[in-house]
Amino acid sequence: MFKAFEKEHICIAHRGLRAFYPENTMPAFEKSLNRFDMFEFDVHYTKDLKPVVIHDGDLRELTDVSDRFDRYCVGELTLDEIKTLDNVSKFIKNNPFNKELNIQELSDMNKNSIPHLDEVLAFIKQHSFPANLEIKDSDIDEDYIIKDLRERIEKFGVKDLVLISSYNHGYIKKLQKYHTAALFDYEMKDLKAYLKDLNVCAYHIDIDNFNKKTVSELLKENIYTNVYTVNDKKKILDLFKMGVKGVFCDYFS
């Protein structure tokens, strides 16, 4: 069993503790340790086929890419180029969740803090801290991505600590020997049969399409439901009462 699912209920740090630290960075993951039961992060591939941890393929919203290059997508830049980008300054300026930030601590952060996947896997291994790795869609050959992820997960020995999810269920189909989850942002007919065919251990659904009946039906097949993204404690507790295993959170309110 995927390690985090041994608990009755779990709270998952969505892109790390992203309300107080730039999302998908090592500080955001480190600060979620001992606060959350696991964390979630996203993987894109660079022009030179390196896996980096960032949510948006378009780098303009979260970094200073427009000031440095005439290209702005992860797949158009090399790892070395991406490692020059500042993804801290805009976070401080925008304060996306309107929280009281520790400006001194953030200012002291390495501004070029977009992690390589290996940095995150090493952190997971070091702390035995379960995580959800979401594979983002890419123009890169699907088989290359699958092979690369398998090799890195095996190299760091984190197979039982990493849950692999994606909206692209083609990836999930090819990773059936690992702990996997199918991501959805819509309701689907014949969902149970579809998920059984994918051989997933979890179903990830957005809060707007969450269905209590579906949770019960999937539990009969040992498929857990995790809901995204909910920051209200009362709503989280209500979801747990309805049989949901985990909830993705940016923070607790």
Protein backbone atom coordinates (compact mmCIF):
# COMPACT_ATOMS: atom_id res chain seq x y z
CA MET A 1 0.00 0.00 0.00
CA PHE A 2 1.05 3.58 -0.65
CA LYS A 3 2.53 4.70 2.67
CA ALA A 4 0.35 7.78 3.28
CA PHE A 5 -2.85 5.77 2.82
CA GLU A 6 -2.09 3.80 5.98
CA LYS A 7 -3.62 6.76 7.85
CA GLU A 8 -7.39 7.10 8.13
CA HIS A 9 -7.37 10.60 6.63
CA ILE A 10 -4.65 12.76 5.12
CA CYS A 11 -4.09 16.43 4.36
CA ILE A 12 -1.89 17.03 1.34
CA ALA A 13 0.16 20.22 0.92
CA HIS A 14 -0.81 21.46 -2.55
CA ARG A 15 2.48 22.35 -4.28
CA GLY A 16 3.94 22.52 -0.77
CA LEU A 17 3.01 25.17 1.77
CA ARG A 18 2.33 27.54 -1.13
CA ALA A 19 0.42 30.17 0.82
CA PHE A 20 3.64 31.19 2.60
CA TYR A 21 6.44 30.07 0.26
CA PRO A 22 6.80 30.02 -3.53
CA GLU A 23 4.98 26.95 -4.80
CA ASN A 24 6.88 23.86 -5.90
CA THR A 25 10.10 24.92 -4.18
CA MET A 26 12.18 23.09 -1.61
CA PRO A 27 11.29 25.59 1.18
CA ALA A 28 7.57 25.05 0.43
CA PHE A 29 8.06 21.29 0.75
CA GLU A 30 10.30 21.53 3.81
CA LYS A 31 7.79 23.75 5.64
CA SER A 32 4.99 21.26 4.95
CA LEU A 33 6.94 18.55 6.80
CA ASN A 34 5.29 17.80 10.19
CA ARG A 35 2.37 20.08 9.22
CA PHE A 36 0.86 17.85 6.51
CA ASP A 37 0.68 14.11 5.94
CA MET A 38 2.18 14.39 2.45
CA PHE A 39 2.82 17.00 -0.23
CA GLU A 40 2.04 17.36 -3.93
CA PHE A 41 4.29 18.62 -6.72
CA ASP A 42 4.32 18.87 -10.51
CA VAL A 43 6.86 17.76 -13.10
CA HIS A 44 7.59 19.24 -16.53
CA TYR A 45 10.44 18.37 -18.90
CA THR A 46 12.91 20.92 -20.25
CA LYS A 47 14.21 21.35 -23.78
CA ASP A 48 17.20 19.16 -22.87
CA LEU A 49 14.89 16.48 -21.42
CA LYS A 50 15.47 17.19 -17.73
CA PRO A 51 12.59 16.92 -15.21
CA VAL A 52 11.94 20.12 -13.27
CA VAL A 53 9.38 20.76 -10.57
CA ILE A 54 6.96 23.51 -11.56
CA HIS A 55 3.21 23.68 -12.23
CA ASP A 56 2.81 25.99 -15.22
CA GLY A 57 4.40 25.26 -18.57
CA ASP A 58 4.24 29.01 -19.19
CA LEU A 59 6.83 30.52 -16.85
CA ARG A 60 5.77 34.16 -17.15
CA GLU A 61 3.33 34.33 -14.23
CA LEU A 62 5.68 32.98 -11.57
CA THR A 63 9.16 33.98 -12.78
CA ASP A 64 11.14 36.75 -14.48
CA VAL A 65 11.54 34.71 -17.68
CA SER A 66 10.33 37.64 -19.83
CA ASP A 67 13.26 39.74 -18.61
CA ARG A 68 15.79 37.08 -19.55
CA PHE A 69 14.65 35.19 -22.64
CA ASP A 70 12.46 35.53 -25.71
CA ARG A 71 11.11 32.05 -24.91
CA TYR A 72 8.91 31.41 -21.91
CA CYS A 73 7.80 27.76 -21.85
CA VAL A 74 9.55 25.04 -19.86
CA GLY A 75 9.94 22.90 -23.00
CA GLU A 76 11.69 25.77 -24.81
CA LEU A 77 14.40 26.28 -22.18
CA THR A 78 17.27 24.14 -20.96
CA LEU A 79 17.73 23.16 -17.33
CA ASP A 80 20.63 25.61 -16.98
CA GLU A 81 18.46 28.43 -18.36
CA ILE A 82 15.55 27.58 -16.05
CA LYS A 83 17.93 27.51 -13.08
CA THR A 84 18.66 31.23 -13.68
CA LEU A 85 15.01 32.26 -13.20
CA ASP A 86 13.82 34.14 -10.13
CA ASN A 87 10.58 32.61 -8.78
CA VAL A 88 10.76 34.28 -5.36
CA SER A 89 10.45 38.01 -6.09
CA LYS A 90 7.07 37.75 -7.81
CA PHE A 91 5.73 35.62 -4.97
CA ILE A 92 6.68 38.30 -2.45
CA LYS A 93 5.15 41.02 -4.62
CA ASN A 94 1.91 39.17 -5.45
CA ASN A 95 1.35 37.40 -2.09
CA PRO A 96 -1.25 35.17 -3.81
CA PHE A 97 -3.13 34.15 -0.65
CA ASN A 98 -2.81 37.52 1.10
CA LYS A 99 -0.95 36.04 4.08
CA GLU A 100 1.43 37.68 6.53
CA LEU A 101 4.73 36.65 4.94
CA ASN A 102 8.13 36.42 6.53
CA ILE A 103 9.74 38.84 4.07
CA GLN A 104 13.22 38.52 5.56
CA GLU A 105 13.17 34.73 5.29
CA LEU A 106 11.84 34.87 1.74
CA SER A 107 14.38 37.53 0.75
CA ASP A 108 17.15 35.27 2.02
CA MET A 109 15.97 32.39 -0.19
CA ASN A 110 17.89 31.40 -3.28
CA LYS A 111 16.00 33.31 -5.97
CA ASN A 112 16.81 30.62 -8.54
CA SER A 113 14.92 27.92 -6.71
CA ILE A 114 13.08 25.82 -9.32
CA PRO A 115 14.06 22.28 -8.27
CA HIS A 116 15.28 19.40 -10.40
CA LEU A 117 13.16 16.32 -9.73
CA ASP A 118 16.15 14.56 -8.13
CA GLU A 119 16.28 17.22 -5.40
CA VAL A 120 12.69 16.46 -4.44
CA LEU A 121 13.09 12.69 -4.57
CA ALA A 122 16.16 12.92 -2.33
CA PHE A 123 14.11 15.00 0.15
CA ILE A 124 11.30 12.43 0.10
CA LYS A 125 13.77 9.64 0.78
CA GLN A 126 15.62 11.51 3.52
CA HIS A 127 12.47 12.28 5.50
CA SER A 128 10.30 9.29 4.47
CA PHE A 129 7.77 11.97 3.57
CA PRO A 130 5.11 10.71 1.10
CA ALA A 131 4.38 12.80 -1.96
CA ASN A 132 2.13 13.03 -5.00
CA LEU A 133 4.08 13.52 -8.22
CA GLU A 134 1.82 14.94 -10.94
CA ILE A 135 3.09 14.47 -14.49
CA LYS A 136 2.18 17.45 -16.64
CA ASP A 137 1.41 17.00 -20.32
CA SER A 138 4.37 17.40 -22.64
CA ASP A 139 5.33 17.25 -26.32
CA ILE A 140 8.23 15.01 -25.30
CA ASP A 141 7.94 11.33 -26.20
CA GLU A 142 5.70 9.61 -23.65
CA ASP A 143 7.88 6.51 -23.45
CA TYR A 144 10.93 8.64 -22.63
CA ILE A 145 9.09 10.30 -19.74
CA ILE A 146 7.85 6.97 -18.37
CA LYS A 147 11.32 5.39 -18.58
CA ASP A 148 12.96 8.42 -16.99
CA LEU A 149 10.50 8.55 -14.08
CA ARG A 150 10.82 4.83 -13.42
CA GLU A 151 14.60 5.03 -13.32
CA ARG A 152 14.63 8.01 -10.94
CA ILE A 153 12.06 6.53 -8.57
CA GLU A 154 14.00 3.27 -8.42
CA LYS A 155 17.34 5.08 -8.05
CA PHE A 156 16.12 6.93 -4.93
CA GLY A 157 14.20 3.95 -3.56
CA VAL A 158 10.94 5.88 -3.10
CA LYS A 159 8.46 3.60 -4.88
CA ASP A 160 6.20 3.27 -1.82
CA LEU A 161 6.52 6.96 -0.95
CA VAL A 162 5.47 8.39 -4.32
CA LEU A 163 1.95 8.45 -5.72
CA ILE A 164 2.02 9.27 -9.45
CA SER A 165 -0.94 11.16 -10.88
CA SER A 166 -1.86 12.86 -14.14
CA TYR A 167 -4.75 14.13 -16.22
CA ASN A 168 -3.05 12.25 -19.06
CA HIS A 169 -4.16 8.72 -18.27
CA GLY A 170 -1.85 7.35 -20.95
CA TYR A 171 1.00 7.96 -18.51
CA ILE A 172 -0.91 6.23 -15.73
CA LYS A 173 -1.69 3.21 -17.92
CA LYS A 174 2.03 2.65 -18.44
CA LEU A 175 2.91 2.97 -14.75
CA GLN A 176 0.67 0.27 -13.32
CA LYS A 177 3.48 -1.30 -11.29
CA TYR A 178 3.63 1.90 -9.22
CA HIS A 179 1.14 3.63 -6.94
CA THR A 180 -0.97 5.74 -9.28
CA ALA A 181 -3.96 8.09 -9.27
CA ALA A 182 -6.16 9.33 -12.09
CA LEU A 183 -6.86 13.07 -12.07
CA PHE A 184 -10.25 14.38 -13.18
CA ASP A 185 -11.96 17.76 -13.33
CA TYR A 186 -15.27 16.36 -14.60
CA GLU A 187 -17.71 13.53 -13.82
CA MET A 188 -17.37 10.38 -15.91
CA LYS A 189 -19.80 7.59 -16.71
CA ASP A 190 -18.66 4.03 -15.90
CA LEU A 191 -15.92 5.53 -13.72
CA LYS A 192 -15.44 2.44 -11.56
CA ALA A 193 -14.73 0.15 -14.51
CA TYR A 194 -12.45 2.72 -16.07
CA LEU A 195 -10.36 3.14 -12.91
CA LYS A 196 -10.16 -0.62 -12.38
CA ASP A 197 -8.78 -0.97 -15.90
CA LEU A 198 -6.17 1.69 -15.12
CA ASN A 199 -5.34 -0.21 -11.92
CA VAL A 200 -5.07 2.99 -9.87
CA CYS A 201 -5.19 3.13 -6.09
CA ALA A 202 -6.69 6.63 -6.01
CA TYR A 203 -9.10 8.94 -7.79
CA HIS A 204 -8.42 12.69 -7.62
CA ILE A 205 -11.39 14.95 -8.26
CA ASP A 206 -11.96 18.69 -7.92
CA ILE A 207 -14.31 19.85 -5.18
CA ASP A 208 -16.91 21.12 -7.67
CA ASN A 209 -17.39 17.65 -9.18
CA PHE A 210 -17.06 15.66 -5.97
CA ASN A 211 -19.81 13.07 -5.48
CA LYS A 212 -20.35 11.31 -2.14
CA LYS A 213 -21.90 8.25 -3.80
CA THR A 214 -18.83 7.80 -6.00
CA VAL A 215 -16.58 7.70 -2.92
CA SER A 216 -18.52 4.76 -1.46
CA GLU A 217 -18.60 2.85 -4.76
CA LEU A 218 -14.85 3.23 -5.27
CA LEU A 219 -14.03 2.20 -1.70
CA LYS A 220 -15.59 -1.19 -2.45
CA GLU A 221 -12.86 -1.60 -5.07
CA ASN A 222 -10.12 -0.34 -2.69
CA ILE A 223 -9.78 2.90 -4.65
CA TYR A 224 -9.45 5.97 -2.44
CA THR A 225 -10.82 9.41 -3.28
CA ASN A 226 -8.75 12.56 -2.79
CA VAL A 227 -10.33 15.99 -3.34
CA TYR A 228 -8.70 19.23 -4.49
CA THR A 229 -8.37 22.06 -3.47
CA VAL A 230 -10.01 22.81 -0.06
CA ASN A 231 -8.66 25.23 2.56
CA ASP A 232 -11.60 25.45 4.96
CA LYS A 233 -11.24 23.15 7.99
CA LYS A 234 -14.96 22.52 8.36
CA LYS A 235 -15.31 21.49 4.71
CA ILE A 236 -12.26 19.24 5.06
CA LEU A 237 -13.76 17.51 8.10
CA ASP A 238 -17.08 17.11 6.27
CA LEU A 239 -15.30 15.44 3.35
CA PHE A 240 -13.55 13.04 5.71
CA LYS A 241 -16.92 12.11 7.23
CA MET A 242 -18.15 11.27 3.72
CA GLY A 243 -15.35 8.74 3.23
CA VAL A 244 -12.76 10.85 1.43
CA LYS A 245 -9.22 9.68 2.14
CA GLY A 246 -7.32 12.90 1.45
CA VAL A 247 -7.74 16.59 0.73
CA PHE A 248 -5.31 18.84 -1.10
CA CYS A 249 -4.84 22.15 0.79
CA ASP A 250 -2.90 25.38 0.30
CA TYR A 251 -3.32 26.19 3.98
CA PHE A 252 -5.90 25.67 6.75
CA SER A 253 -8.42 28.42 7.54
